[in-house]
Amino acid sequence: MTTELLERALIEEAAKKSGLLWVRGAEASAARAVWHVWHEGAVCLVGDGPGEQPLTGLADGGGAEVTARGKDKGGRLVSFAAAVNELTAGTPEWAAAVAELKGKRLNAPDAELMTDRWARECRVLRLTPTGAVAALPDGDLAQRPVPTPATTRRPVPAALPKLLARRRKGR
């Protein structure tokens, strides 16, 4: 019994402190980083709508593997299995979860109307821990990033610093 309580406390503290979690649904091949909130004993997520995070592989009634990273070094702190439940828009559980999520959503294009948009176009999921904490793996489990249309900056052209210096001299 004491071990179960310690594992629950570790899961809760890690989920509260971490800005993101790695979640892999039962139907997904790779884990995906998601932002979240810890609310009433479970991880709450919002996504699958325009401008929101994808929740690929997470199905209502299914399972997921959740990994929280440590805040100090960013390494894997704890992994655990979770049951996935989709909250129905308009229910008290949905409203409570959305109230917490709204406070954590950064850079929303429509902050005032965000909860209405979530009710119409998005899914709100609750991932409740089930069972014990998974043993930490021996290897690093590094994987290739999920394909995305996002790009990184390209190197600055070699001639650019000279062009900028000329402009400053001309003023």
C-alpha atoms as a PDB file:
ATOM      1  CA  MET A   1       0.000   0.000   0.000  1.00  0.00           C
ATOM      2  CA  THR A   2       2.817   2.429   0.826  1.00  0.00           C
ATOM      3  CA  THR A   3       4.488   1.818  -2.546  1.00  0.00           C
ATOM      4  CA  GLU A   4       1.234   2.623  -4.360  1.00  0.00           C
ATOM      5  CA  LEU A   5       0.875   5.895  -2.470  1.00  0.00           C
ATOM      6  CA  LEU A   6       4.479   6.867  -3.199  1.00  0.00           C
ATOM      7  CA  GLU A   7       4.045   6.077  -6.898  1.00  0.00           C
ATOM      8  CA  ARG A   8       0.824   8.131  -7.045  1.00  0.00           C
ATOM      9  CA  ALA A   9       2.594  11.025  -5.330  1.00  0.00           C
ATOM     10  CA  LEU A  10       5.507  10.772  -7.795  1.00  0.00           C
ATOM     11  CA  ILE A  11       3.133  10.772 -10.783  1.00  0.00           C
ATOM     12  CA  GLU A  12       1.160  13.746  -9.445  1.00  0.00           C
ATOM     13  CA  GLU A  13       4.220  15.817  -8.580  1.00  0.00           C
ATOM     14  CA  ALA A  14       5.954  15.070 -11.889  1.00  0.00           C
ATOM     15  CA  ALA A  15       2.819  15.946 -13.884  1.00  0.00           C
ATOM     16  CA  LYS A  16       2.282  19.169 -11.940  1.00  0.00           C
ATOM     17  CA  LYS A  17       5.877  20.362 -12.331  1.00  0.00           C
ATOM     18  CA  SER A  18       6.468  19.378 -15.958  1.00  0.00           C
ATOM     19  CA  GLY A  19       5.450  21.830 -18.674  1.00  0.00           C
ATOM     20  CA  LEU A  20       4.840  19.016 -21.108  1.00  0.00           C
ATOM     21  CA  LEU A  21       4.398  15.283 -21.154  1.00  0.00           C
ATOM     22  CA  TRP A  22       5.222  12.641 -23.729  1.00  0.00           C
ATOM     23  CA  VAL A  23       2.085  10.644 -24.540  1.00  0.00           C
ATOM     24  CA  ARG A  24       1.741   7.590 -26.752  1.00  0.00           C
ATOM     25  CA  GLY A  25      -1.725   6.233 -27.394  1.00  0.00           C
ATOM     26  CA  ALA A  26      -2.420   2.557 -27.861  1.00  0.00           C
ATOM     27  CA  GLU A  27      -2.910   3.163 -31.592  1.00  0.00           C
ATOM     28  CA  ALA A  28       0.163   5.396 -32.122  1.00  0.00           C
ATOM     29  CA  SER A  29       3.662   4.257 -32.975  1.00  0.00           C
ATOM     30  CA  ALA A  30       5.542   7.210 -31.460  1.00  0.00           C
ATOM     31  CA  ALA A  31       5.114   9.347 -28.366  1.00  0.00           C
ATOM     32  CA  ARG A  32       4.141  12.986 -28.869  1.00  0.00           C
ATOM     33  CA  ALA A  33       4.885  15.965 -26.646  1.00  0.00           C
ATOM     34  CA  VAL A  34       1.715  17.628 -25.314  1.00  0.00           C
ATOM     35  CA  TRP A  35       0.987  20.490 -22.936  1.00  0.00           C
ATOM     36  CA  HIS A  36      -1.421  19.632 -20.147  1.00  0.00           C
ATOM     37  CA  VAL A  37      -2.760  20.366 -16.687  1.00  0.00           C
ATOM     38  CA  TRP A  38      -3.042  18.094 -13.683  1.00  0.00           C
ATOM     39  CA  HIS A  39      -6.618  18.277 -12.418  1.00  0.00           C
ATOM     40  CA  GLU A  40      -8.380  16.125  -9.817  1.00  0.00           C
ATOM     41  CA  GLY A  41      -6.029  13.166 -10.040  1.00  0.00           C
ATOM     42  CA  ALA A  42      -5.573  13.037 -13.802  1.00  0.00           C
ATOM     43  CA  VAL A  43      -3.820  14.658 -16.742  1.00  0.00           C
ATOM     44  CA  CYS A  44      -6.156  16.821 -18.836  1.00  0.00           C
ATOM     45  CA  LEU A  45      -5.453  17.634 -22.502  1.00  0.00           C
ATOM     46  CA  VAL A  46      -7.177  19.630 -25.218  1.00  0.00           C
ATOM     47  CA  GLY A  47      -6.512  19.228 -28.928  1.00  0.00           C
ATOM     48  CA  ASP A  48      -7.469  17.901 -32.352  1.00  0.00           C
ATOM     49  CA  GLY A  49      -8.932  21.221 -33.417  1.00  0.00           C
ATOM     50  CA  PRO A  50      -7.673  24.101 -35.554  1.00  0.00           C
ATOM     51  CA  GLY A  51      -4.644  25.691 -33.917  1.00  0.00           C
ATOM     52  CA  GLU A  52      -4.475  23.090 -31.146  1.00  0.00           C
ATOM     53  CA  GLN A  53      -2.141  20.182 -30.487  1.00  0.00           C
ATOM     54  CA  PRO A  54      -2.784  16.854 -32.222  1.00  0.00           C
ATOM     55  CA  LEU A  55      -3.929  14.006 -29.985  1.00  0.00           C
ATOM     56  CA  THR A  56      -3.075  11.236 -32.442  1.00  0.00           C
ATOM     57  CA  GLY A  57      -3.694   7.701 -31.223  1.00  0.00           C
ATOM     58  CA  LEU A  58      -5.675   8.680 -28.121  1.00  0.00           C
ATOM     59  CA  ALA A  59      -9.156   7.162 -28.256  1.00  0.00           C
ATOM     60  CA  ASP A  60     -11.953   7.339 -25.697  1.00  0.00           C
ATOM     61  CA  GLY A  61     -11.898   4.196 -23.577  1.00  0.00           C
ATOM     62  CA  GLY A  62      -8.393   3.311 -24.735  1.00  0.00           C
ATOM     63  CA  GLY A  63      -5.071   3.415 -23.008  1.00  0.00           C
ATOM     64  CA  ALA A  64      -1.945   5.521 -23.180  1.00  0.00           C
ATOM     65  CA  GLU A  65       1.632   5.527 -21.949  1.00  0.00           C
ATOM     66  CA  VAL A  66       2.555   8.832 -20.311  1.00  0.00           C
ATOM     67  CA  THR A  67       6.105   9.970 -19.568  1.00  0.00           C
ATOM     68  CA  ALA A  68       6.976  12.993 -17.456  1.00  0.00           C
ATOM     69  CA  ARG A  69      10.374  14.623 -17.579  1.00  0.00           C
ATOM     70  CA  GLY A  70      12.276  16.112 -14.684  1.00  0.00           C
ATOM     71  CA  LYS A  71      12.329  19.888 -14.539  1.00  0.00           C
ATOM     72  CA  ASP A  72      15.995  20.170 -13.586  1.00  0.00           C
ATOM     73  CA  LYS A  73      17.697  18.123 -16.327  1.00  0.00           C
ATOM     74  CA  GLY A  74      14.787  17.375 -18.666  1.00  0.00           C
ATOM     75  CA  GLY A  75      15.353  13.622 -18.510  1.00  0.00           C
ATOM     76  CA  ARG A  76      12.719  10.931 -18.051  1.00  0.00           C
ATOM     77  CA  LEU A  77      11.443  11.005 -14.480  1.00  0.00           C
ATOM     78  CA  VAL A  78       8.476   8.638 -14.524  1.00  0.00           C
ATOM     79  CA  SER A  79       6.406   6.637 -17.020  1.00  0.00           C
ATOM     80  CA  PHE A  80       2.966   5.260 -16.287  1.00  0.00           C
ATOM     81  CA  ALA A  81      -0.065   3.721 -17.977  1.00  0.00           C
ATOM     82  CA  ALA A  82      -3.248   5.773 -18.160  1.00  0.00           C
ATOM     83  CA  ALA A  83      -6.874   5.239 -19.124  1.00  0.00           C
ATOM     84  CA  VAL A  84      -8.167   7.729 -21.705  1.00  0.00           C
ATOM     85  CA  ASN A  85     -11.617   9.267 -21.274  1.00  0.00           C
ATOM     86  CA  GLU A  86     -13.058  11.942 -23.541  1.00  0.00           C
ATOM     87  CA  LEU A  87     -15.061  14.529 -21.611  1.00  0.00           C
ATOM     88  CA  THR A  88     -18.399  15.587 -23.081  1.00  0.00           C
ATOM     89  CA  ALA A  89     -18.736  19.313 -23.710  1.00  0.00           C
ATOM     90  CA  GLY A  90     -21.069  21.076 -21.305  1.00  0.00           C
ATOM     91  CA  THR A  91     -20.802  18.566 -18.456  1.00  0.00           C
ATOM     92  CA  PRO A  92     -19.516  19.714 -15.045  1.00  0.00           C
ATOM     93  CA  GLU A  93     -16.366  17.584 -15.474  1.00  0.00           C
ATOM     94  CA  TRP A  94     -15.670  19.196 -18.860  1.00  0.00           C
ATOM     95  CA  ALA A  95     -16.239  22.705 -17.485  1.00  0.00           C
ATOM     96  CA  ALA A  96     -13.879  22.115 -14.554  1.00  0.00           C
ATOM     97  CA  ALA A  97     -11.141  20.682 -16.785  1.00  0.00           C
ATOM     98  CA  VAL A  98     -11.522  23.475 -19.355  1.00  0.00           C
ATOM     99  CA  ALA A  99     -11.314  26.134 -16.643  1.00  0.00           C
ATOM    100  CA  GLU A 100      -7.907  24.740 -15.649  1.00  0.00           C
ATOM    101  CA  LEU A 101      -6.751  24.292 -19.262  1.00  0.00           C
ATOM    102  CA  LYS A 102      -7.772  27.836 -20.204  1.00  0.00           C
ATOM    103  CA  GLY A 103      -5.411  29.268 -17.608  1.00  0.00           C
ATOM    104  CA  LYS A 104      -2.466  27.323 -19.055  1.00  0.00           C
ATOM    105  CA  ARG A 105      -3.132  27.883 -22.770  1.00  0.00           C
ATOM    106  CA  LEU A 106      -0.485  30.233 -24.125  1.00  0.00           C
ATOM    107  CA  ASN A 107      -0.792  32.418 -27.224  1.00  0.00           C
ATOM    108  CA  ALA A 108      -4.397  31.557 -28.014  1.00  0.00           C
ATOM    109  CA  PRO A 109      -5.629  33.542 -31.025  1.00  0.00           C
ATOM    110  CA  ASP A 110      -9.100  33.919 -29.487  1.00  0.00           C
ATOM    111  CA  ALA A 111      -8.663  33.976 -25.713  1.00  0.00           C
ATOM    112  CA  GLU A 112     -12.198  35.214 -24.961  1.00  0.00           C
ATOM    113  CA  LEU A 113     -13.944  32.683 -27.219  1.00  0.00           C
ATOM    114  CA  MET A 114     -11.504  29.832 -26.703  1.00  0.00           C
ATOM    115  CA  THR A 115     -13.749  27.633 -24.543  1.00  0.00           C
ATOM    116  CA  ASP A 116     -16.627  27.938 -27.039  1.00  0.00           C
ATOM    117  CA  ARG A 117     -14.275  26.888 -29.848  1.00  0.00           C
ATOM    118  CA  TRP A 118     -13.031  23.965 -27.766  1.00  0.00           C
ATOM    119  CA  ALA A 119     -16.632  22.834 -27.198  1.00  0.00           C
ATOM    120  CA  ARG A 120     -17.388  22.952 -30.948  1.00  0.00           C
ATOM    121  CA  GLU A 121     -14.169  21.788 -32.584  1.00  0.00           C
ATOM    122  CA  CYS A 122     -11.797  20.112 -30.102  1.00  0.00           C
ATOM    123  CA  ARG A 123     -11.540  17.111 -27.833  1.00  0.00           C
ATOM    124  CA  VAL A 124     -10.851  17.393 -24.113  1.00  0.00           C
ATOM    125  CA  LEU A 125      -9.281  14.217 -22.737  1.00  0.00           C
ATOM    126  CA  ARG A 126      -8.667  13.003 -19.213  1.00  0.00           C
ATOM    127  CA  LEU A 127      -5.788  10.546 -18.727  1.00  0.00           C
ATOM    128  CA  THR A 128      -6.180   8.797 -15.375  1.00  0.00           C
ATOM    129  CA  PRO A 129      -3.161   6.826 -14.076  1.00  0.00           C
ATOM    130  CA  THR A 130      -3.781   3.088 -13.805  1.00  0.00           C
ATOM    131  CA  GLY A 131      -1.497   0.598 -12.133  1.00  0.00           C
ATOM    132  CA  ALA A 132       2.104   0.966 -11.170  1.00  0.00           C
ATOM    133  CA  VAL A 133       4.894   3.144 -12.464  1.00  0.00           C
ATOM    134  CA  ALA A 134       6.773   1.558 -15.379  1.00  0.00           C
ATOM    135  CA  ALA A 135      10.421   0.646 -14.888  1.00  0.00           C
ATOM    136  CA  LEU A 136      12.876   3.077 -16.456  1.00  0.00           C
ATOM    137  CA  PRO A 137      14.495   1.679 -19.627  1.00  0.00           C
ATOM    138  CA  ASP A 138      18.191   0.929 -19.944  1.00  0.00           C
ATOM    139  CA  GLY A 139      18.651   2.762 -23.256  1.00  0.00           C
ATOM    140  CA  ASP A 140      17.828   6.320 -24.254  1.00  0.00           C
ATOM    141  CA  LEU A 141      14.932   5.346 -26.591  1.00  0.00           C
ATOM    142  CA  ALA A 142      15.765   8.226 -28.937  1.00  0.00           C
ATOM    143  CA  GLN A 143      13.521   8.386 -32.012  1.00  0.00           C
ATOM    144  CA  ARG A 144      13.352  10.540 -35.107  1.00  0.00           C
ATOM    145  CA  PRO A 145      11.060  13.547 -34.690  1.00  0.00           C
ATOM    146  CA  VAL A 146       7.501  13.311 -35.999  1.00  0.00           C
ATOM    147  CA  PRO A 147       7.239  14.874 -39.503  1.00  0.00           C
ATOM    148  CA  THR A 148       6.038  18.486 -39.374  1.00  0.00           C
ATOM    149  CA  PRO A 149       5.733  21.438 -41.757  1.00  0.00           C
ATOM    150  CA  ALA A 150       7.650  23.604 -39.257  1.00  0.00           C
ATOM    151  CA  THR A 151      11.196  24.557 -40.197  1.00  0.00           C
ATOM    152  CA  THR A 152      14.240  25.854 -38.401  1.00  0.00           C
ATOM    153  CA  ARG A 153      16.132  28.982 -39.323  1.00  0.00           C
ATOM    154  CA  ARG A 154      18.640  28.624 -42.092  1.00  0.00           C
ATOM    155  CA  PRO A 155      22.217  29.904 -41.776  1.00  0.00           C
ATOM    156  CA  VAL A 156      22.726  33.605 -42.416  1.00  0.00           C
ATOM    157  CA  PRO A 157      24.126  34.209 -45.925  1.00  0.00           C
ATOM    158  CA  ALA A 158      27.851  34.994 -45.823  1.00  0.00           C
ATOM    159  CA  ALA A 159      27.437  38.399 -47.531  1.00  0.00           C
ATOM    160  CA  LEU A 160      24.703  39.677 -45.181  1.00  0.00           C
ATOM    161  CA  PRO A 161      26.958  41.095 -42.426  1.00  0.00           C
ATOM    162  CA  LYS A 162      28.894  43.134 -45.036  1.00  0.00           C
ATOM    163  CA  LEU A 163      25.666  44.502 -46.550  1.00  0.00           C
ATOM    164  CA  LEU A 164      24.344  45.514 -43.138  1.00  0.00           C
ATOM    165  CA  ALA A 165      27.650  47.198 -42.230  1.00  0.00           C
ATOM    166  CA  ARG A 166      27.516  49.290 -45.446  1.00  0.00           C
ATOM    167  CA  ARG A 167      24.009  50.489 -44.637  1.00  0.00           C
ATOM    168  CA  ARG A 168      25.090  51.686 -41.193  1.00  0.00           C
ATOM    169  CA  LYS A 169      28.056  53.618 -42.619  1.00  0.00           C
ATOM    170  CA  GLY A 170      25.831  55.368 -45.161  1.00  0.00           C
ATOM    171  CA  ARG A 171      23.601  56.960 -42.470  1.00  0.00           C
END
